[in-house]
Protein backbone atom coordinates (compact mmCIF):
# COMPACT_ATOMS: atom_id res chain seq x y z
CA UNK A 1 0.00 0.00 0.00
CA UNK A 2 1.41 3.39 -0.98
CA UNK A 3 1.43 6.24 1.51
CA UNK A 4 0.21 9.68 0.50
CA UNK A 5 1.01 12.73 2.64
CA UNK A 6 -1.80 15.27 2.36
CA UNK A 7 -1.43 18.78 3.73
CA UNK A 8 -4.90 20.13 4.47
CA UNK A 9 -6.86 16.94 3.94
CA UNK A 10 -9.68 17.54 6.41
CA UNK A 11 -12.01 19.53 4.12
CA UNK A 12 -12.47 21.02 0.68
CA UNK A 13 -10.38 19.68 -2.17
CA UNK A 14 -7.98 18.07 0.30
CA UNK A 15 -10.83 16.25 1.99
CA UNK A 16 -12.10 15.02 -1.38
CA UNK A 17 -8.62 13.72 -2.25
CA UNK A 18 -8.41 11.87 1.06
CA UNK A 19 -11.85 10.35 0.46
CA UNK A 20 -10.82 9.25 -3.02
CA UNK A 21 -7.65 7.52 -1.81
CA UNK A 22 -8.29 6.29 1.73
CA UNK A 23 -9.55 2.81 0.83
CA UNK A 24 -6.48 1.93 -1.23
CA UNK A 25 -3.71 4.09 0.25
CA UNK A 26 -2.25 4.96 3.59
CA UNK A 27 -3.07 8.61 4.25
CA UNK A 28 -0.93 10.84 6.45
CA UNK A 29 -2.83 14.07 6.99
CA UNK A 30 -1.36 17.30 8.35
CA UNK A 31 -3.94 19.97 9.18
CA UNK A 32 -5.38 22.01 12.02
CA UNK A 33 -8.74 20.25 11.69
CA UNK A 34 -9.17 16.54 12.35
CA UNK A 35 -10.56 14.60 9.37
CA UNK A 36 -13.17 11.87 9.62
CA UNK A 37 -11.59 8.83 11.24
CA UNK A 38 -10.55 5.89 9.08
CA UNK A 39 -8.23 2.95 9.65
CA UNK A 40 -5.95 4.07 6.83
CA UNK A 41 -5.67 7.70 8.00
CA UNK A 42 -2.98 8.96 10.37
CA UNK A 43 -3.56 12.56 11.47
CA UNK A 44 -1.22 15.20 12.85
CA UNK A 45 -2.88 18.37 14.19
CA UNK A 46 -0.50 21.15 13.18
CA UNK A 47 -0.30 24.52 11.48
CA UNK A 48 2.23 23.94 8.70
CA UNK A 49 3.32 27.58 8.74
CA UNK A 50 3.84 27.91 12.47
CA UNK A 51 4.62 24.44 13.81
CA UNK A 52 7.52 22.06 13.42
CA UNK A 53 6.71 19.35 10.90
CA UNK A 54 6.55 15.81 12.28
CA UNK A 55 9.09 13.10 11.60
CA UNK A 56 7.34 10.45 9.52
CA UNK A 57 8.91 7.00 9.64
CA UNK A 58 6.70 5.47 6.94
CA UNK A 59 7.75 5.70 3.32
CA UNK A 60 6.13 8.61 1.49
CA UNK A 61 5.09 7.87 -2.10
CA UNK A 62 3.06 11.00 -2.79
CA UNK A 63 2.59 14.51 -1.44
CA UNK A 64 -0.40 16.78 -1.98
CA UNK A 65 -0.23 20.36 -0.74
CA UNK A 66 -3.76 21.77 -0.54
CA UNK A 67 -3.70 24.98 1.58
CA UNK A 68 -4.58 28.11 -0.36
CA UNK A 69 -6.21 31.50 -0.15
CA UNK A 70 -8.80 33.58 -1.99
CA UNK A 71 -8.08 37.16 -1.01
CA UNK A 72 -9.98 39.27 -3.55
CA UNK A 73 -9.55 43.04 -3.22
CA UNK A 74 -8.81 46.02 -5.48
CA UNK A 75 -5.10 46.77 -5.58
CA UNK A 76 -5.49 49.95 -3.52
CA UNK A 77 -7.06 47.87 -0.73
CA UNK A 78 -4.43 45.14 -0.78
CA UNK A 79 -1.77 45.81 1.81
CA UNK A 80 1.78 44.56 1.51
CA UNK A 81 0.92 42.21 4.36
CA UNK A 82 -1.88 40.75 2.23
CA UNK A 83 0.69 39.87 -0.42
CA UNK A 84 3.09 38.50 2.20
CA UNK A 85 0.39 36.39 3.85
CA UNK A 86 -0.78 34.90 0.56
CA UNK A 87 2.81 34.12 -0.38
CA UNK A 88 3.43 32.49 3.00
CA UNK A 89 0.34 30.25 2.68
CA UNK A 90 0.73 29.27 -0.95
CA UNK A 91 4.48 29.25 -1.50
CA UNK A 92 6.59 29.30 1.66
CA UNK A 93 4.53 26.62 3.42
CA UNK A 94 4.71 24.38 0.34
CA UNK A 95 8.50 24.81 0.15
CA UNK A 96 8.80 24.03 3.86
CA UNK A 97 6.91 20.75 3.43
CA UNK A 98 8.76 19.72 0.27
CA UNK A 99 12.14 20.35 1.87
CA UNK A 100 11.16 18.30 4.91
CA UNK A 101 9.98 15.20 3.06
CA UNK A 102 11.87 15.25 -0.24
CA UNK A 103 14.31 12.53 0.84
CA UNK A 104 11.53 9.99 1.37
CA UNK A 105 9.87 11.03 -1.88
CA UNK A 106 13.15 10.57 -3.77
CA UNK A 107 13.66 7.13 -2.25
CA UNK A 108 10.21 6.05 -3.44
CA UNK A 109 9.99 7.68 -6.89
CA UNK A 110 7.30 9.91 -5.46
CA UNK A 111 4.78 12.29 -6.97
CA UNK A 112 4.00 15.80 -5.72
CA UNK A 113 0.79 17.72 -6.47
CA UNK A 114 0.57 21.48 -5.91
CA UNK A 115 -2.35 23.80 -6.62
CA UNK A 116 -2.61 26.97 -8.68
CA UNK A 117 -5.63 28.83 -10.11
CA UNK A 118 -7.08 29.84 -13.47
CA UNK A 119 -6.34 33.44 -12.41
CA UNK A 120 -2.67 32.97 -13.40
CA UNK A 121 -3.72 32.63 -17.06
CA UNK A 122 -6.81 34.84 -17.20
CA UNK A 123 -6.65 38.50 -16.18
CA UNK A 124 -9.26 38.63 -13.43
CA UNK A 125 -9.95 41.83 -11.47
CA UNK A 126 -9.11 41.81 -7.75
CA UNK A 127 -6.92 38.67 -8.04
CA UNK A 128 -3.51 40.39 -7.94
CA UNK A 129 -2.30 38.85 -4.69
CA UNK A 130 -3.48 35.29 -5.18
CA UNK A 131 -2.45 35.29 -8.86
CA UNK A 132 1.05 36.43 -7.92
CA UNK A 133 1.43 33.67 -5.31
CA UNK A 134 -0.01 30.93 -7.50
CA UNK A 135 2.21 31.99 -10.42
CA UNK A 136 5.13 31.33 -8.09
CA UNK A 137 3.68 27.87 -7.33
CA UNK A 138 3.63 27.11 -11.05
CA UNK A 139 7.25 28.21 -11.35
CA UNK A 140 8.28 26.00 -8.44
CA UNK A 141 6.46 23.06 -10.02
CA UNK A 142 8.39 23.32 -13.26
CA UNK A 143 11.74 24.03 -11.61
CA UNK A 144 11.53 21.12 -9.18
CA UNK A 145 10.27 18.78 -11.90
CA UNK A 146 13.55 19.47 -13.69
CA UNK A 147 15.66 19.29 -10.56
CA UNK A 148 14.27 15.91 -9.52
CA UNK A 149 13.63 14.35 -12.93
CA UNK A 150 13.78 10.50 -12.72
CA UNK A 151 13.35 10.75 -8.91
CA UNK A 152 10.18 12.74 -8.10
CA UNK A 153 7.40 13.97 -10.35
CA UNK A 154 5.98 17.44 -9.74
CA UNK A 155 2.67 18.58 -11.24
CA UNK A 156 0.23 21.38 -10.55
CA UNK A 157 -3.56 21.57 -10.85
CA UNK A 158 -5.15 24.95 -11.63
CA UNK A 159 -8.89 24.80 -10.89
CA UNK A 160 -11.55 27.38 -11.50
CA UNK A 161 -14.05 28.17 -8.72
CA UNK A 162 -14.70 25.01 -6.72
CA UNK A 163 -17.64 24.47 -4.38
CA UNK A 164 -15.76 24.41 -1.06
CA UNK A 165 -15.72 26.51 2.09
CA UNK A 166 -12.78 28.49 0.68
CA UNK A 167 -15.04 29.80 -2.09
CA UNK A 168 -18.18 30.26 -0.01
CA UNK A 169 -18.12 34.07 -0.38
CA UNK A 170 -18.37 33.62 -4.15
CA UNK A 171 -21.24 31.11 -3.92
CA UNK A 172 -23.33 32.51 -1.07
CA UNK A 173 -26.76 32.22 -2.67
CA UNK A 174 -28.60 30.79 -5.67
CA UNK A 175 -28.14 33.96 -7.73
CA UNK A 176 -24.37 33.98 -7.21
CA UNK A 177 -24.17 30.30 -8.04
CA UNK A 178 -26.19 30.79 -11.22
CA UNK A 179 -24.03 33.74 -12.26
CA UNK A 180 -20.88 31.71 -11.67
CA UNK A 181 -22.20 28.87 -13.80
CA UNK A 182 -23.05 31.26 -16.62
CA UNK A 183 -19.53 32.74 -16.61
CA UNK A 184 -18.13 29.35 -17.63
CA UNK A 185 -18.61 28.02 -21.19
CA UNK A 186 -19.50 24.58 -19.81
CA UNK A 187 -22.15 26.26 -17.63
CA UNK A 188 -20.83 24.83 -14.40
CA UNK A 189 -18.23 25.37 -11.72
CA UNK A 190 -16.34 22.57 -10.05
CA UNK A 191 -17.07 20.02 -7.38
CA UNK A 192 -14.16 19.09 -5.14
CA UNK A 193 -14.51 15.47 -6.25
CA UNK A 194 -13.74 16.43 -9.85
CA UNK A 195 -10.44 17.99 -8.81
CA UNK A 196 -9.69 15.02 -6.56
CA UNK A 197 -10.06 12.63 -9.50
CA UNK A 198 -7.37 14.47 -11.44
CA UNK A 199 -5.09 14.53 -8.39
CA UNK A 200 -5.55 10.79 -7.85
CA UNK A 201 -4.58 10.11 -11.46
CA UNK A 202 -1.46 12.28 -11.28
CA UNK A 203 -0.37 10.47 -8.12
CA UNK A 204 -0.82 7.07 -9.74
CA UNK A 205 1.60 4.94 -11.73
CA UNK A 206 -0.59 5.56 -14.78
CA UNK A 207 0.84 9.10 -14.84
CA UNK A 208 4.47 7.97 -14.56
CA UNK A 209 5.46 9.89 -17.72
CA UNK A 210 3.87 13.20 -16.61
CA UNK A 211 5.91 15.82 -14.77
CA UNK A 212 6.40 19.58 -14.80
CA UNK A 213 2.87 20.24 -16.03
CA UNK A 214 0.17 22.70 -14.99
CA UNK A 215 -3.27 21.23 -15.58
CA UNK A 216 -6.18 23.68 -15.84
CA UNK A 217 -9.54 22.26 -14.86
CA UNK A 218 -11.52 25.30 -15.81
CA UNK A 219 -15.00 24.45 -17.17
CA UNK A 220 -13.80 26.26 -20.29
CA UNK A 221 -13.33 29.71 -18.77
CA UNK A 222 -9.71 29.99 -19.94
CA UNK A 223 -9.66 27.64 -22.90
CA UNK A 224 -12.97 28.29 -24.67
CA UNK A 225 -14.75 31.29 -26.13
CA UNK A 226 -18.28 30.53 -27.26
């Protein structure tokens, strides 16, 4: 049984990834919130930014870093601390985790999944801070894929709006949800389970030839014009 280390696997996209993998994989979850108990899940209650990361004796075959932010403000209302905080959550914390567990990943020909956003490819008002941080995540993905080629695969998923608690301010009522659907050419936004399916594939041996890629899952908002 392969072991997958999930950062932020108690809810949202991370929770959906854990649910998709828990019957067939050992899950090591690091988050502040405790996930639903399961015999294949080992949980560590920590804040990855503030706390020391645990020593994990089990082999690590895959790593999924799920924490993110949606901090949408006009540029004149974004403080420098807003940019710093988004960078800390999306970039620095991911680097901290990768540095901690890269040896085990190298020893097991591991796979790493990071997360970006469609806002790195599509100019979206009020997304300056999150787009800047997620663009850095995409750069790290490609750089580390080259650095660890033949040892560890690095890929990145860039979803559009996904129906999770992180996006609840964008999907607060039926009218907002309808408007969000209509903005996308496929007339839908995402469910966390759809993103989890792509992550599960990229972690699997079936994706052994895929590394250094950024995969949009965008309901057409970037790729289609109808």
